[in-house]
């Protein structure tokens, strides 16, 4: 499932969201 269905950019988006939440 991770290889075929998970978007490749998901890790980057989640990391950016977590960093943004932390900054906020």
PDBML (XML) file of the C-alpha atoms, coordinates in Angstrom:
<?xml version="1.0" encoding="UTF-8" ?>
<PDBx:datablock datablockName="MODEL"
   xmlns:PDBx="http://pdbml.pdb.org/schema/pdbx-v50.xsd"
   xmlns:xsi="http://www.w3.org/2001/XMLSchema-instance"
   xsi:schemaLocation="http://pdbml.pdb.org/schema/pdbx-v50.xsd pdbx-v50.xsd">
   <PDBx:atom_siteCategory>
      <PDBx:atom_site id="1">
         <PDBx:B_iso_or_equiv>0.00</PDBx:B_iso_or_equiv>
         <PDBx:Cartn_x>0.000</PDBx:Cartn_x>
         <PDBx:Cartn_y>0.000</PDBx:Cartn_y>
         <PDBx:Cartn_z>0.000</PDBx:Cartn_z>
         <PDBx:auth_asym_id>A</PDBx:auth_asym_id>
         <PDBx:auth_atom_id>CA</PDBx:auth_atom_id>
         <PDBx:auth_comp_id>UNK</PDBx:auth_comp_id>
         <PDBx:auth_seq_id>1</PDBx:auth_seq_id>
         <PDBx:group_PDB>ATOM</PDBx:group_PDB>
         <PDBx:label_alt_id xsi:nil="true" />
         <PDBx:label_asym_id>A</PDBx:label_asym_id>
         <PDBx:label_atom_id>CA</PDBx:label_atom_id>
         <PDBx:label_comp_id>UNK</PDBx:label_comp_id>
         <PDBx:label_entity_id>1</PDBx:label_entity_id>
         <PDBx:label_seq_id>1</PDBx:label_seq_id>
         <PDBx:occupancy>1.00</PDBx:occupancy>
         <PDBx:pdbx_PDB_model_num>1</PDBx:pdbx_PDB_model_num>
         <PDBx:type_symbol>C</PDBx:type_symbol>
      </PDBx:atom_site>
      <PDBx:atom_site id="2">
         <PDBx:B_iso_or_equiv>0.00</PDBx:B_iso_or_equiv>
         <PDBx:Cartn_x>2.792</PDBx:Cartn_x>
         <PDBx:Cartn_y>2.427</PDBx:Cartn_y>
         <PDBx:Cartn_z>0.896</PDBx:Cartn_z>
         <PDBx:auth_asym_id>A</PDBx:auth_asym_id>
         <PDBx:auth_atom_id>CA</PDBx:auth_atom_id>
         <PDBx:auth_comp_id>UNK</PDBx:auth_comp_id>
         <PDBx:auth_seq_id>2</PDBx:auth_seq_id>
         <PDBx:group_PDB>ATOM</PDBx:group_PDB>
         <PDBx:label_alt_id xsi:nil="true" />
         <PDBx:label_asym_id>A</PDBx:label_asym_id>
         <PDBx:label_atom_id>CA</PDBx:label_atom_id>
         <PDBx:label_comp_id>UNK</PDBx:label_comp_id>
         <PDBx:label_entity_id>1</PDBx:label_entity_id>
         <PDBx:label_seq_id>2</PDBx:label_seq_id>
         <PDBx:occupancy>1.00</PDBx:occupancy>
         <PDBx:pdbx_PDB_model_num>1</PDBx:pdbx_PDB_model_num>
         <PDBx:type_symbol>C</PDBx:type_symbol>
      </PDBx:atom_site>
      <PDBx:atom_site id="3">
         <PDBx:B_iso_or_equiv>0.00</PDBx:B_iso_or_equiv>
         <PDBx:Cartn_x>4.582</PDBx:Cartn_x>
         <PDBx:Cartn_y>1.840</PDBx:Cartn_y>
         <PDBx:Cartn_z>-2.400</PDBx:Cartn_z>
         <PDBx:auth_asym_id>A</PDBx:auth_asym_id>
         <PDBx:auth_atom_id>CA</PDBx:auth_atom_id>
         <PDBx:auth_comp_id>UNK</PDBx:auth_comp_id>
         <PDBx:auth_seq_id>3</PDBx:auth_seq_id>
         <PDBx:group_PDB>ATOM</PDBx:group_PDB>
         <PDBx:label_alt_id xsi:nil="true" />
         <PDBx:label_asym_id>A</PDBx:label_asym_id>
         <PDBx:label_atom_id>CA</PDBx:label_atom_id>
         <PDBx:label_comp_id>UNK</PDBx:label_comp_id>
         <PDBx:label_entity_id>1</PDBx:label_entity_id>
         <PDBx:label_seq_id>3</PDBx:label_seq_id>
         <PDBx:occupancy>1.00</PDBx:occupancy>
         <PDBx:pdbx_PDB_model_num>1</PDBx:pdbx_PDB_model_num>
         <PDBx:type_symbol>C</PDBx:type_symbol>
      </PDBx:atom_site>
      <PDBx:atom_site id="4">
         <PDBx:B_iso_or_equiv>0.00</PDBx:B_iso_or_equiv>
         <PDBx:Cartn_x>1.540</PDBx:Cartn_x>
         <PDBx:Cartn_y>2.051</PDBx:Cartn_y>
         <PDBx:Cartn_z>-4.626</PDBx:Cartn_z>
         <PDBx:auth_asym_id>A</PDBx:auth_asym_id>
         <PDBx:auth_atom_id>CA</PDBx:auth_atom_id>
         <PDBx:auth_comp_id>UNK</PDBx:auth_comp_id>
         <PDBx:auth_seq_id>4</PDBx:auth_seq_id>
         <PDBx:group_PDB>ATOM</PDBx:group_PDB>
         <PDBx:label_alt_id xsi:nil="true" />
         <PDBx:label_asym_id>A</PDBx:label_asym_id>
         <PDBx:label_atom_id>CA</PDBx:label_atom_id>
         <PDBx:label_comp_id>UNK</PDBx:label_comp_id>
         <PDBx:label_entity_id>1</PDBx:label_entity_id>
         <PDBx:label_seq_id>4</PDBx:label_seq_id>
         <PDBx:occupancy>1.00</PDBx:occupancy>
         <PDBx:pdbx_PDB_model_num>1</PDBx:pdbx_PDB_model_num>
         <PDBx:type_symbol>C</PDBx:type_symbol>
      </PDBx:atom_site>
      <PDBx:atom_site id="5">
         <PDBx:B_iso_or_equiv>0.00</PDBx:B_iso_or_equiv>
         <PDBx:Cartn_x>-1.047</PDBx:Cartn_x>
         <PDBx:Cartn_y>4.303</PDBx:Cartn_y>
         <PDBx:Cartn_z>-2.939</PDBx:Cartn_z>
         <PDBx:auth_asym_id>A</PDBx:auth_asym_id>
         <PDBx:auth_atom_id>CA</PDBx:auth_atom_id>
         <PDBx:auth_comp_id>UNK</PDBx:auth_comp_id>
         <PDBx:auth_seq_id>5</PDBx:auth_seq_id>
         <PDBx:group_PDB>ATOM</PDBx:group_PDB>
         <PDBx:label_alt_id xsi:nil="true" />
         <PDBx:label_asym_id>A</PDBx:label_asym_id>
         <PDBx:label_atom_id>CA</PDBx:label_atom_id>
         <PDBx:label_comp_id>UNK</PDBx:label_comp_id>
         <PDBx:label_entity_id>1</PDBx:label_entity_id>
         <PDBx:label_seq_id>5</PDBx:label_seq_id>
         <PDBx:occupancy>1.00</PDBx:occupancy>
         <PDBx:pdbx_PDB_model_num>1</PDBx:pdbx_PDB_model_num>
         <PDBx:type_symbol>C</PDBx:type_symbol>
      </PDBx:atom_site>
      <PDBx:atom_site id="6">
         <PDBx:B_iso_or_equiv>0.00</PDBx:B_iso_or_equiv>
         <PDBx:Cartn_x>0.721</PDBx:Cartn_x>
         <PDBx:Cartn_y>6.664</PDBx:Cartn_y>
         <PDBx:Cartn_z>-0.557</PDBx:Cartn_z>
         <PDBx:auth_asym_id>A</PDBx:auth_asym_id>
         <PDBx:auth_atom_id>CA</PDBx:auth_atom_id>
         <PDBx:auth_comp_id>UNK</PDBx:auth_comp_id>
         <PDBx:auth_seq_id>6</PDBx:auth_seq_id>
         <PDBx:group_PDB>ATOM</PDBx:group_PDB>
         <PDBx:label_alt_id xsi:nil="true" />
         <PDBx:label_asym_id>A</PDBx:label_asym_id>
         <PDBx:label_atom_id>CA</PDBx:label_atom_id>
         <PDBx:label_comp_id>UNK</PDBx:label_comp_id>
         <PDBx:label_entity_id>1</PDBx:label_entity_id>
         <PDBx:label_seq_id>6</PDBx:label_seq_id>
         <PDBx:occupancy>1.00</PDBx:occupancy>
         <PDBx:pdbx_PDB_model_num>1</PDBx:pdbx_PDB_model_num>
         <PDBx:type_symbol>C</PDBx:type_symbol>
      </PDBx:atom_site>
      <PDBx:atom_site id="7">
         <PDBx:B_iso_or_equiv>0.00</PDBx:B_iso_or_equiv>
         <PDBx:Cartn_x>1.528</PDBx:Cartn_x>
         <PDBx:Cartn_y>9.992</PDBx:Cartn_y>
         <PDBx:Cartn_z>-2.215</PDBx:Cartn_z>
         <PDBx:auth_asym_id>A</PDBx:auth_asym_id>
         <PDBx:auth_atom_id>CA</PDBx:auth_atom_id>
         <PDBx:auth_comp_id>UNK</PDBx:auth_comp_id>
         <PDBx:auth_seq_id>7</PDBx:auth_seq_id>
         <PDBx:group_PDB>ATOM</PDBx:group_PDB>
         <PDBx:label_alt_id xsi:nil="true" />
         <PDBx:label_asym_id>A</PDBx:label_asym_id>
         <PDBx:label_atom_id>CA</PDBx:label_atom_id>
         <PDBx:label_comp_id>UNK</PDBx:label_comp_id>
         <PDBx:label_entity_id>1</PDBx:label_entity_id>
         <PDBx:label_seq_id>7</PDBx:label_seq_id>
         <PDBx:occupancy>1.00</PDBx:occupancy>
         <PDBx:pdbx_PDB_model_num>1</PDBx:pdbx_PDB_model_num>
         <PDBx:type_symbol>C</PDBx:type_symbol>
      </PDBx:atom_site>
      <PDBx:atom_site id="8">
         <PDBx:B_iso_or_equiv>0.00</PDBx:B_iso_or_equiv>
         <PDBx:Cartn_x>5.270</PDBx:Cartn_x>
         <PDBx:Cartn_y>10.551</PDBx:Cartn_y>
         <PDBx:Cartn_z>-2.557</PDBx:Cartn_z>
         <PDBx:auth_asym_id>A</PDBx:auth_asym_id>
         <PDBx:auth_atom_id>CA</PDBx:auth_atom_id>
         <PDBx:auth_comp_id>UNK</PDBx:auth_comp_id>
         <PDBx:auth_seq_id>8</PDBx:auth_seq_id>
         <PDBx:group_PDB>ATOM</PDBx:group_PDB>
         <PDBx:label_alt_id xsi:nil="true" />
         <PDBx:label_asym_id>A</PDBx:label_asym_id>
         <PDBx:label_atom_id>CA</PDBx:label_atom_id>
         <PDBx:label_comp_id>UNK</PDBx:label_comp_id>
         <PDBx:label_entity_id>1</PDBx:label_entity_id>
         <PDBx:label_seq_id>8</PDBx:label_seq_id>
         <PDBx:occupancy>1.00</PDBx:occupancy>
         <PDBx:pdbx_PDB_model_num>1</PDBx:pdbx_PDB_model_num>
         <PDBx:type_symbol>C</PDBx:type_symbol>
      </PDBx:atom_site>
      <PDBx:atom_site id="9">
         <PDBx:B_iso_or_equiv>0.00</PDBx:B_iso_or_equiv>
         <PDBx:Cartn_x>5.058</PDBx:Cartn_x>
         <PDBx:Cartn_y>14.099</PDBx:Cartn_y>
         <PDBx:Cartn_z>-1.183</PDBx:Cartn_z>
         <PDBx:auth_asym_id>A</PDBx:auth_asym_id>
         <PDBx:auth_atom_id>CA</PDBx:auth_atom_id>
         <PDBx:auth_comp_id>UNK</PDBx:auth_comp_id>
         <PDBx:auth_seq_id>9</PDBx:auth_seq_id>
         <PDBx:group_PDB>ATOM</PDBx:group_PDB>
         <PDBx:label_alt_id xsi:nil="true" />
         <PDBx:label_asym_id>A</PDBx:label_asym_id>
         <PDBx:label_atom_id>CA</PDBx:label_atom_id>
         <PDBx:label_comp_id>UNK</PDBx:label_comp_id>
         <PDBx:label_entity_id>1</PDBx:label_entity_id>
         <PDBx:label_seq_id>9</PDBx:label_seq_id>
         <PDBx:occupancy>1.00</PDBx:occupancy>
         <PDBx:pdbx_PDB_model_num>1</PDBx:pdbx_PDB_model_num>
         <PDBx:type_symbol>C</PDBx:type_symbol>
      </PDBx:atom_site>
      <PDBx:atom_site id="10">
         <PDBx:B_iso_or_equiv>0.00</PDBx:B_iso_or_equiv>
         <PDBx:Cartn_x>3.068</PDBx:Cartn_x>
         <PDBx:Cartn_y>13.113</PDBx:Cartn_y>
         <PDBx:Cartn_z>1.937</PDBx:Cartn_z>
         <PDBx:auth_asym_id>A</PDBx:auth_asym_id>
         <PDBx:auth_atom_id>CA</PDBx:auth_atom_id>
         <PDBx:auth_comp_id>UNK</PDBx:auth_comp_id>
         <PDBx:auth_seq_id>10</PDBx:auth_seq_id>
         <PDBx:group_PDB>ATOM</PDBx:group_PDB>
         <PDBx:label_alt_id xsi:nil="true" />
         <PDBx:label_asym_id>A</PDBx:label_asym_id>
         <PDBx:label_atom_id>CA</PDBx:label_atom_id>
         <PDBx:label_comp_id>UNK</PDBx:label_comp_id>
         <PDBx:label_entity_id>1</PDBx:label_entity_id>
         <PDBx:label_seq_id>10</PDBx:label_seq_id>
         <PDBx:occupancy>1.00</PDBx:occupancy>
         <PDBx:pdbx_PDB_model_num>1</PDBx:pdbx_PDB_model_num>
         <PDBx:type_symbol>C</PDBx:type_symbol>
      </PDBx:atom_site>
      <PDBx:atom_site id="11">
         <PDBx:B_iso_or_equiv>0.00</PDBx:B_iso_or_equiv>
         <PDBx:Cartn_x>6.110</PDBx:Cartn_x>
         <PDBx:Cartn_y>12.997</PDBx:Cartn_y>
         <PDBx:Cartn_z>4.253</PDBx:Cartn_z>
         <PDBx:auth_asym_id>A</PDBx:auth_asym_id>
         <PDBx:auth_atom_id>CA</PDBx:auth_atom_id>
         <PDBx:auth_comp_id>UNK</PDBx:auth_comp_id>
         <PDBx:auth_seq_id>11</PDBx:auth_seq_id>
         <PDBx:group_PDB>ATOM</PDBx:group_PDB>
         <PDBx:label_alt_id xsi:nil="true" />
         <PDBx:label_asym_id>A</PDBx:label_asym_id>
         <PDBx:label_atom_id>CA</PDBx:label_atom_id>
         <PDBx:label_comp_id>UNK</PDBx:label_comp_id>
         <PDBx:label_entity_id>1</PDBx:label_entity_id>
         <PDBx:label_seq_id>11</PDBx:label_seq_id>
         <PDBx:occupancy>1.00</PDBx:occupancy>
         <PDBx:pdbx_PDB_model_num>1</PDBx:pdbx_PDB_model_num>
         <PDBx:type_symbol>C</PDBx:type_symbol>
      </PDBx:atom_site>
      <PDBx:atom_site id="12">
         <PDBx:B_iso_or_equiv>0.00</PDBx:B_iso_or_equiv>
         <PDBx:Cartn_x>7.231</PDBx:Cartn_x>
         <PDBx:Cartn_y>16.453</PDBx:Cartn_y>
         <PDBx:Cartn_z>3.168</PDBx:Cartn_z>
         <PDBx:auth_asym_id>A</PDBx:auth_asym_id>
         <PDBx:auth_atom_id>CA</PDBx:auth_atom_id>
         <PDBx:auth_comp_id>UNK</PDBx:auth_comp_id>
         <PDBx:auth_seq_id>12</PDBx:auth_seq_id>
         <PDBx:group_PDB>ATOM</PDBx:group_PDB>
         <PDBx:label_alt_id xsi:nil="true" />
         <PDBx:label_asym_id>A</PDBx:label_asym_id>
         <PDBx:label_atom_id>CA</PDBx:label_atom_id>
         <PDBx:label_comp_id>UNK</PDBx:label_comp_id>
         <PDBx:label_entity_id>1</PDBx:label_entity_id>
         <PDBx:label_seq_id>12</PDBx:label_seq_id>
         <PDBx:occupancy>1.00</PDBx:occupancy>
         <PDBx:pdbx_PDB_model_num>1</PDBx:pdbx_PDB_model_num>
         <PDBx:type_symbol>C</PDBx:type_symbol>
      </PDBx:atom_site>
      <PDBx:atom_site id="13">
         <PDBx:B_iso_or_equiv>0.00</PDBx:B_iso_or_equiv>
         <PDBx:Cartn_x>3.745</PDBx:Cartn_x>
         <PDBx:Cartn_y>17.924</PDBx:Cartn_y>
         <PDBx:Cartn_z>3.599</PDBx:Cartn_z>
         <PDBx:auth_asym_id>A</PDBx:auth_asym_id>
         <PDBx:auth_atom_id>CA</PDBx:auth_atom_id>
         <PDBx:auth_comp_id>UNK</PDBx:auth_comp_id>
         <PDBx:auth_seq_id>13</PDBx:auth_seq_id>
         <PDBx:group_PDB>ATOM</PDBx:group_PDB>
         <PDBx:label_alt_id xsi:nil="true" />
         <PDBx:label_asym_id>A</PDBx:label_asym_id>
         <PDBx:label_atom_id>CA</PDBx:label_atom_id>
         <PDBx:label_comp_id>UNK</PDBx:label_comp_id>
         <PDBx:label_entity_id>1</PDBx:label_entity_id>
         <PDBx:label_seq_id>13</PDBx:label_seq_id>
         <PDBx:occupancy>1.00</PDBx:occupancy>
         <PDBx:pdbx_PDB_model_num>1</PDBx:pdbx_PDB_model_num>
         <PDBx:type_symbol>C</PDBx:type_symbol>
      </PDBx:atom_site>
      <PDBx:atom_site id="14">
         <PDBx:B_iso_or_equiv>0.00</PDBx:B_iso_or_equiv>
         <PDBx:Cartn_x>3.306</PDBx:Cartn_x>
         <PDBx:Cartn_y>16.388</PDBx:Cartn_y>
         <PDBx:Cartn_z>7.055</PDBx:Cartn_z>
         <PDBx:auth_asym_id>A</PDBx:auth_asym_id>
         <PDBx:auth_atom_id>CA</PDBx:auth_atom_id>
         <PDBx:auth_comp_id>UNK</PDBx:auth_comp_id>
         <PDBx:auth_seq_id>14</PDBx:auth_seq_id>
         <PDBx:group_PDB>ATOM</PDBx:group_PDB>
         <PDBx:label_alt_id xsi:nil="true" />
         <PDBx:label_asym_id>A</PDBx:label_asym_id>
         <PDBx:label_atom_id>CA</PDBx:label_atom_id>
         <PDBx:label_comp_id>UNK</PDBx:label_comp_id>
         <PDBx:label_entity_id>1</PDBx:label_entity_id>
         <PDBx:label_seq_id>14</PDBx:label_seq_id>
         <PDBx:occupancy>1.00</PDBx:occupancy>
         <PDBx:pdbx_PDB_model_num>1</PDBx:pdbx_PDB_model_num>
         <PDBx:type_symbol>C</PDBx:type_symbol>
      </PDBx:atom_site>
      <PDBx:atom_site id="15">
         <PDBx:B_iso_or_equiv>0.00</PDBx:B_iso_or_equiv>
         <PDBx:Cartn_x>6.756</PDBx:Cartn_x>
         <PDBx:Cartn_y>17.600</PDBx:Cartn_y>
         <PDBx:Cartn_z>8.142</PDBx:Cartn_z>
         <PDBx:auth_asym_id>A</PDBx:auth_asym_id>
         <PDBx:auth_atom_id>CA</PDBx:auth_atom_id>
         <PDBx:auth_comp_id>UNK</PDBx:auth_comp_id>
         <PDBx:auth_seq_id>15</PDBx:auth_seq_id>
         <PDBx:group_PDB>ATOM</PDBx:group_PDB>
         <PDBx:label_alt_id xsi:nil="true" />
         <PDBx:label_asym_id>A</PDBx:label_asym_id>
         <PDBx:label_atom_id>CA</PDBx:label_atom_id>
         <PDBx:label_comp_id>UNK</PDBx:label_comp_id>
         <PDBx:label_entity_id>1</PDBx:label_entity_id>
         <PDBx:label_seq_id>15</PDBx:label_seq_id>
         <PDBx:occupancy>1.00</PDBx:occupancy>
         <PDBx:pdbx_PDB_model_num>1</PDBx:pdbx_PDB_model_num>
         <PDBx:type_symbol>C</PDBx:type_symbol>
      </PDBx:atom_site>
      <PDBx:atom_site id="16">
         <PDBx:B_iso_or_equiv>0.00</PDBx:B_iso_or_equiv>
         <PDBx:Cartn_x>5.994</PDBx:Cartn_x>
         <PDBx:Cartn_y>21.108</PDBx:Cartn_y>
         <PDBx:Cartn_z>6.893</PDBx:Cartn_z>
         <PDBx:auth_asym_id>A</PDBx:auth_asym_id>
         <PDBx:auth_atom_id>CA</PDBx:auth_atom_id>
         <PDBx:auth_comp_id>UNK</PDBx:auth_comp_id>
         <PDBx:auth_seq_id>16</PDBx:auth_seq_id>
         <PDBx:group_PDB>ATOM</PDBx:group_PDB>
         <PDBx:label_alt_id xsi:nil="true" />
         <PDBx:label_asym_id>A</PDBx:label_asym_id>
         <PDBx:label_atom_id>CA</PDBx:label_atom_id>
         <PDBx:label_comp_id>UNK</PDBx:label_comp_id>
         <PDBx:label_entity_id>1</PDBx:label_entity_id>
         <PDBx:label_seq_id>16</PDBx:label_seq_id>
         <PDBx:occupancy>1.00</PDBx:occupancy>
         <PDBx:pdbx_PDB_model_num>1</PDBx:pdbx_PDB_model_num>
         <PDBx:type_symbol>C</PDBx:type_symbol>
      </PDBx:atom_site>
      <PDBx:atom_site id="17">
         <PDBx:B_iso_or_equiv>0.00</PDBx:B_iso_or_equiv>
         <PDBx:Cartn_x>2.657</PDBx:Cartn_x>
         <PDBx:Cartn_y>21.102</PDBx:Cartn_y>
         <PDBx:Cartn_z>8.732</PDBx:Cartn_z>
         <PDBx:auth_asym_id>A</PDBx:auth_asym_id>
         <PDBx:auth_atom_id>CA</PDBx:auth_atom_id>
         <PDBx:auth_comp_id>UNK</PDBx:auth_comp_id>
         <PDBx:auth_seq_id>17</PDBx:auth_seq_id>
         <PDBx:group_PDB>ATOM</PDBx:group_PDB>
         <PDBx:label_alt_id xsi:nil="true" />
         <PDBx:label_asym_id>A</PDBx:label_asym_id>
         <PDBx:label_atom_id>CA</PDBx:label_atom_id>
         <PDBx:label_comp_id>UNK</PDBx:label_comp_id>
         <PDBx:label_entity_id>1</PDBx:label_entity_id>
         <PDBx:label_seq_id>17</PDBx:label_seq_id>
         <PDBx:occupancy>1.00</PDBx:occupancy>
         <PDBx:pdbx_PDB_model_num>1</PDBx:pdbx_PDB_model_num>
         <PDBx:type_symbol>C</PDBx:type_symbol>
      </PDBx:atom_site>
      <PDBx:atom_site id="18">
         <PDBx:B_iso_or_equiv>0.00</PDBx:B_iso_or_equiv>
         <PDBx:Cartn_x>4.284</PDBx:Cartn_x>
         <PDBx:Cartn_y>19.920</PDBx:Cartn_y>
         <PDBx:Cartn_z>11.957</PDBx:Cartn_z>
         <PDBx:auth_asym_id>A</PDBx:auth_asym_id>
         <PDBx:auth_atom_id>CA</PDBx:auth_atom_id>
         <PDBx:auth_comp_id>UNK</PDBx:auth_comp_id>
         <PDBx:auth_seq_id>18</PDBx:auth_seq_id>
         <PDBx:group_PDB>ATOM</PDBx:group_PDB>
         <PDBx:label_alt_id xsi:nil="true" />
         <PDBx:label_asym_id>A</PDBx:label_asym_id>
         <PDBx:label_atom_id>CA</PDBx:label_atom_id>
         <PDBx:label_comp_id>UNK</PDBx:label_comp_id>
         <PDBx:label_entity_id>1</PDBx:label_entity_id>
         <PDBx:label_seq_id>18</PDBx:label_seq_id>
         <PDBx:occupancy>1.00</PDBx:occupancy>
         <PDBx:pdbx_PDB_model_num>1</PDBx:pdbx_PDB_model_num>
         <PDBx:type_symbol>C</PDBx:type_symbol>
      </PDBx:atom_site>
      <PDBx:atom_site id="19">
         <PDBx:B_iso_or_equiv>0.00</PDBx:B_iso_or_equiv>
         <PDBx:Cartn_x>7.040</PDBx:Cartn_x>
         <PDBx:Cartn_y>22.544</PDBx:Cartn_y>
         <PDBx:Cartn_z>11.716</PDBx:Cartn_z>
         <PDBx:auth_asym_id>A</PDBx:auth_asym_id>
         <PDBx:auth_atom_id>CA</PDBx:auth_atom_id>
         <PDBx:auth_comp_id>UNK</PDBx:auth_comp_id>
         <PDBx:auth_seq_id>19</PDBx:auth_seq_id>
         <PDBx:group_PDB>ATOM</PDBx:group_PDB>
         <PDBx:label_alt_id xsi:nil="true" />
         <PDBx:label_asym_id>A</PDBx:label_asym_id>
         <PDBx:label_atom_id>CA</PDBx:label_atom_id>
         <PDBx:label_comp_id>UNK</PDBx:label_comp_id>
         <PDBx:label_entity_id>1</PDBx:label_entity_id>
         <PDBx:label_seq_id>19</PDBx:label_seq_id>
         <PDBx:occupancy>1.00</PDBx:occupancy>
         <PDBx:pdbx_PDB_model_num>1</PDBx:pdbx_PDB_model_num>
         <PDBx:type_symbol>C</PDBx:type_symbol>
      </PDBx:atom_site>
      <PDBx:atom_site id="20">
         <PDBx:B_iso_or_equiv>0.00</PDBx:B_iso_or_equiv>
         <PDBx:Cartn_x>4.405</PDBx:Cartn_x>
         <PDBx:Cartn_y>25.209</PDBx:Cartn_y>
         <PDBx:Cartn_z>11.006</PDBx:Cartn_z>
         <PDBx:auth_asym_id>A</PDBx:auth_asym_id>
         <PDBx:auth_atom_id>CA</PDBx:auth_atom_id>
         <PDBx:auth_comp_id>UNK</PDBx:auth_comp_id>
         <PDBx:auth_seq_id>20</PDBx:auth_seq_id>
         <PDBx:group_PDB>ATOM</PDBx:group_PDB>
         <PDBx:label_alt_id xsi:nil="true" />
         <PDBx:label_asym_id>A</PDBx:label_asym_id>
         <PDBx:label_atom_id>CA</PDBx:label_atom_id>
         <PDBx:label_comp_id>UNK</PDBx:label_comp_id>
         <PDBx:label_entity_id>1</PDBx:label_entity_id>
         <PDBx:label_seq_id>20</PDBx:label_seq_id>
         <PDBx:occupancy>1.00</PDBx:occupancy>
         <PDBx:pdbx_PDB_model_num>1</PDBx:pdbx_PDB_model_num>
         <PDBx:type_symbol>C</PDBx:type_symbol>
      </PDBx:atom_site>
      <PDBx:atom_site id="21">
         <PDBx:B_iso_or_equiv>0.00</PDBx:B_iso_or_equiv>
         <PDBx:Cartn_x>2.317</PDBx:Cartn_x>
         <PDBx:Cartn_y>24.124</PDBx:Cartn_y>
         <PDBx:Cartn_z>14.005</PDBx:Cartn_z>
         <PDBx:auth_asym_id>A</PDBx:auth_asym_id>
         <PDBx:auth_atom_id>CA</PDBx:auth_atom_id>
         <PDBx:auth_comp_id>UNK</PDBx:auth_comp_id>
         <PDBx:auth_seq_id>21</PDBx:auth_seq_id>
         <PDBx:group_PDB>ATOM</PDBx:group_PDB>
         <PDBx:label_alt_id xsi:nil="true" />
         <PDBx:label_asym_id>A</PDBx:label_asym_id>
         <PDBx:label_atom_id>CA</PDBx:label_atom_id>
         <PDBx:label_comp_id>UNK</PDBx:label_comp_id>
         <PDBx:label_entity_id>1</PDBx:label_entity_id>
         <PDBx:label_seq_id>21</PDBx:label_seq_id>
         <PDBx:occupancy>1.00</PDBx:occupancy>
         <PDBx:pdbx_PDB_model_num>1</PDBx:pdbx_PDB_model_num>
         <PDBx:type_symbol>C</PDBx:type_symbol>
      </PDBx:atom_site>
      <PDBx:atom_site id="22">
         <PDBx:B_iso_or_equiv>0.00</PDBx:B_iso_or_equiv>
         <PDBx:Cartn_x>5.413</PDBx:Cartn_x>
         <PDBx:Cartn_y>24.162</PDBx:Cartn_y>
         <PDBx:Cartn_z>16.193</PDBx:Cartn_z>
         <PDBx:auth_asym_id>A</PDBx:auth_asym_id>
         <PDBx:auth_atom_id>CA</PDBx:auth_atom_id>
         <PDBx:auth_comp_id>UNK</PDBx:auth_comp_id>
         <PDBx:auth_seq_id>22</PDBx:auth_seq_id>
         <PDBx:group_PDB>ATOM</PDBx:group_PDB>
         <PDBx:label_alt_id xsi:nil="true" />
         <PDBx:label_asym_id>A</PDBx:label_asym_id>
         <PDBx:label_atom_id>CA</PDBx:label_atom_id>
         <PDBx:label_comp_id>UNK</PDBx:label_comp_id>
         <PDBx:label_entity_id>1</PDBx:label_entity_id>
         <PDBx:label_seq_id>22</PDBx:label_seq_id>
         <PDBx:occupancy>1.00</PDBx:occupancy>
         <PDBx:pdbx_PDB_model_num>1</PDBx:pdbx_PDB_model_num>
         <PDBx:type_symbol>C</PDBx:type_symbol>
      </PDBx:atom_site>
      <PDBx:atom_site id="23">
         <PDBx:B_iso_or_equiv>0.00</PDBx:B_iso_or_equiv>
         <PDBx:Cartn_x>6.381</PDBx:Cartn_x>
         <PDBx:Cartn_y>27.627</PDBx:Cartn_y>
         <PDBx:Cartn_z>14.936</PDBx:Cartn_z>
         <PDBx:auth_asym_id>A</PDBx:auth_asym_id>
         <PDBx:auth_atom_id>CA</PDBx:auth_atom_id>
         <PDBx:auth_comp_id>UNK</PDBx:auth_comp_id>
         <PDBx:auth_seq_id>23</PDBx:auth_seq_id>
         <PDBx:group_PDB>ATOM</PDBx:group_PDB>
         <PDBx:label_alt_id xsi:nil="true" />
         <PDBx:label_asym_id>A</PDBx:label_asym_id>
         <PDBx:label_atom_id>CA</PDBx:label_atom_id>
         <PDBx:label_comp_id>UNK</PDBx:label_comp_id>
         <PDBx:label_entity_id>1</PDBx:label_entity_id>
         <PDBx:label_seq_id>23</PDBx:label_seq_id>
         <PDBx:occupancy>1.00</PDBx:occupancy>
         <PDBx:pdbx_PDB_model_num>1</PDBx:pdbx_PDB_model_num>
         <PDBx:type_symbol>C</PDBx:type_symbol>
      </PDBx:atom_site>
      <PDBx:atom_site id="24">
         <PDBx:B_iso_or_equiv>0.00</PDBx:B_iso_or_equiv>
         <PDBx:Cartn_x>2.853</PDBx:Cartn_x>
         <PDBx:Cartn_y>28.903</PDBx:Cartn_y>
         <PDBx:Cartn_z>15.536</PDBx:Cartn_z>
         <PDBx:auth_asym_id>A</PDBx:auth_asym_id>
         <PDBx:auth_atom_id>CA</PDBx:auth_atom_id>
         <PDBx:auth_comp_id>UNK</PDBx:auth_comp_id>
         <PDBx:auth_seq_id>24</PDBx:auth_seq_id>
         <PDBx:group_PDB>ATOM</PDBx:group_PDB>
         <PDBx:label_alt_id xsi:nil="true" />
         <PDBx:label_asym_id>A</PDBx:label_asym_id>
         <PDBx:label_atom_id>CA</PDBx:label_atom_id>
         <PDBx:label_comp_id>UNK</PDBx:label_comp_id>
         <PDBx:label_entity_id>1</PDBx:label_entity_id>
         <PDBx:label_seq_id>24</PDBx:label_seq_id>
         <PDBx:occupancy>1.00</PDBx:occupancy>
         <PDBx:pdbx_PDB_model_num>1</PDBx:pdbx_PDB_model_num>
         <PDBx:type_symbol>C</PDBx:type_symbol>
      </PDBx:atom_site>
   </PDBx:atom_siteCategory>
</PDBx:datablock>
